Amino acid sequence: MNSRVQNDTELGRLMHDLHCKNADEMYSKVLSERVRELKETQRGVDAMCSEMEKLYHEGMERGEKLGYERGEKLGMERGEMKTKKEAAISFAKMGMSIEQIAQGLKENVSLIQEWIAEGMAVSR
């Protein structure tokens, strides 16, 4: 539905009302009275503020939880890759073939080659 279409139909007038900031400009009496109550009375303003605060805190809690979970997962993945890289370099220094290392670490050969090349360049 395109809410920008605000023609002279029942749906168009509703879309108009949903875009209105001023209750006096609304077609729907029921909607304008509710908007007026929520925006212009202390009770309504307090109720809206309370709801917004709840939404804010729920969003913050969800964001913190997701951020922690994602950060924890990312950290674990990075740690696992670092460990595999160090193992690949050690195994290569011990004379294991790249194919054996890749098979043992369950990684592809090109990644193992890249890690070993980086490791050898750093150790020089």
Protein backbone atom coordinates (compact mmCIF):
# COMPACT_ATOMS: atom_id res chain seq x y z
CA MET A 1 0.00 0.00 0.00
CA ASN A 2 1.29 3.43 -0.88
CA SER A 3 0.52 5.74 2.03
CA ARG A 4 1.31 8.79 -0.10
CA VAL A 5 -1.92 8.28 -2.01
CA GLN A 6 -4.30 10.45 -0.01
CA ASN A 7 -7.21 10.79 -2.41
CA ASP A 8 -10.88 11.29 -1.56
CA THR A 9 -11.58 7.63 -0.75
CA GLU A 10 -11.98 6.06 2.67
CA LEU A 11 -8.48 4.59 2.45
CA GLY A 12 -7.03 7.83 1.06
CA ARG A 13 -8.51 9.83 3.96
CA LEU A 14 -7.10 7.31 6.45
CA MET A 15 -3.65 7.67 4.86
CA HIS A 16 -4.06 11.45 5.15
CA ASP A 17 -4.93 11.13 8.83
CA LEU A 18 -1.98 8.86 9.55
CA HIS A 19 0.36 11.50 8.10
CA CYS A 20 -1.22 14.38 10.06
CA LYS A 21 0.63 15.89 12.97
CA ASN A 22 -2.30 18.06 13.97
CA ALA A 23 -5.48 16.36 15.20
CA ASP A 24 -7.60 19.27 13.91
CA GLU A 25 -6.65 18.43 10.30
CA MET A 26 -7.83 14.80 10.49
CA TYR A 27 -10.97 13.45 8.82
CA SER A 28 -11.61 10.68 11.35
CA LYS A 29 -13.20 11.97 14.53
CA VAL A 30 -12.22 8.84 16.50
CA LEU A 31 -8.59 9.05 15.41
CA SER A 32 -8.36 12.82 15.96
CA GLU A 33 -9.76 12.48 19.49
CA ARG A 34 -7.25 9.76 20.36
CA VAL A 35 -4.34 11.74 18.90
CA ARG A 36 -5.47 14.83 20.79
CA GLU A 37 -5.67 12.82 24.02
CA LEU A 38 -2.20 11.33 23.55
CA LYS A 39 -0.52 14.55 22.43
CA GLU A 40 -2.34 17.26 24.32
CA THR A 41 -3.22 15.88 27.76
CA GLN A 42 -0.73 15.26 30.55
CA ARG A 43 -2.08 11.74 31.01
CA GLY A 44 -1.60 10.99 27.32
CA VAL A 45 1.88 12.49 27.19
CA ASP A 46 2.88 10.49 30.29
CA ALA A 47 1.51 7.29 28.75
CA MET A 48 3.39 7.89 25.48
CA CYS A 49 6.61 8.70 27.33
CA SER A 50 6.26 5.55 29.41
CA GLU A 51 5.71 3.40 26.31
CA MET A 52 8.63 5.00 24.49
CA GLU A 53 10.88 4.40 27.49
CA LYS A 54 9.85 0.72 27.58
CA LEU A 55 10.58 0.37 23.87
CA TYR A 56 13.93 2.10 24.29
CA HIS A 57 15.00 -0.19 27.14
CA GLU A 58 13.80 -3.32 25.34
CA GLY A 59 15.75 -2.26 22.27
CA MET A 60 18.87 -1.58 24.31
CA GLU A 61 18.64 -4.98 26.02
CA ARG A 62 18.14 -6.77 22.72
CA GLY A 63 20.96 -4.82 21.12
CA GLU A 64 23.33 -5.59 23.97
CA LYS A 65 22.43 -9.26 23.89
CA LEU A 66 22.80 -9.52 20.11
CA GLY A 67 25.99 -7.50 20.17
CA TYR A 68 27.47 -9.71 22.87
CA GLU A 69 26.40 -12.92 21.17
CA ARG A 70 27.66 -11.78 17.77
CA GLY A 71 30.87 -10.42 19.28
CA GLU A 72 31.44 -13.61 21.23
CA LYS A 73 30.84 -15.75 18.14
CA LEU A 74 33.10 -13.57 16.00
CA GLY A 75 35.82 -13.68 18.66
CA MET A 76 35.60 -17.45 18.86
CA GLU A 77 35.78 -17.78 15.07
CA ARG A 78 38.81 -15.50 14.91
CA GLY A 79 40.49 -17.40 17.74
CA GLU A 80 39.84 -20.71 16.02
CA MET A 81 41.27 -19.44 12.73
CA LYS A 82 44.35 -18.03 14.51
CA THR A 83 44.93 -21.38 16.20
CA LYS A 84 44.56 -23.23 12.90
CA LYS A 85 46.95 -20.81 11.19
CA GLU A 86 49.58 -21.29 13.89
CA ALA A 87 49.15 -25.06 13.69
CA ALA A 88 49.47 -25.01 9.90
CA ILE A 89 52.73 -23.08 10.11
CA SER A 90 54.10 -25.45 12.77
CA PHE A 91 53.12 -28.53 10.78
CA ALA A 92 54.73 -27.09 7.65
CA LYS A 93 57.97 -26.48 9.58
CA MET A 94 57.82 -30.13 10.70
CA GLY A 95 57.69 -31.16 7.05
CA MET A 96 54.05 -32.13 6.64
CA SER A 97 52.61 -31.63 3.18
CA ILE A 98 50.16 -28.82 2.52
CA GLU A 99 47.52 -31.38 1.54
CA GLN A 100 47.93 -33.26 4.83
CA ILE A 101 47.74 -30.03 6.81
CA ALA A 102 44.61 -28.94 4.93
CA GLN A 103 42.99 -32.31 5.50
CA GLY A 104 43.88 -32.35 9.20
CA LEU A 105 42.67 -28.80 9.83
CA LYS A 106 39.63 -29.18 7.56
CA GLU A 107 40.54 -26.12 5.49
CA ASN A 108 41.20 -25.69 1.79
CA VAL A 109 44.68 -26.04 0.36
CA SER A 110 44.89 -22.46 -0.93
CA LEU A 111 44.17 -21.02 2.53
CA ILE A 112 46.82 -23.26 4.08
CA GLN A 113 49.32 -22.14 1.41
CA GLU A 114 48.48 -18.50 2.18
CA TRP A 115 48.95 -19.01 5.93
CA ILE A 116 52.26 -20.81 5.46
CA ALA A 117 53.55 -18.12 3.11
CA GLU A 118 52.62 -15.41 5.63
CA GLY A 119 54.13 -17.40 8.50
CA MET A 120 57.38 -18.04 6.71
CA ALA A 121 57.67 -14.38 5.68
CA VAL A 122 57.18 -13.25 9.29
CA SER A 123 59.69 -15.72 10.73
CA ARG A 124 62.51 -14.51 8.45
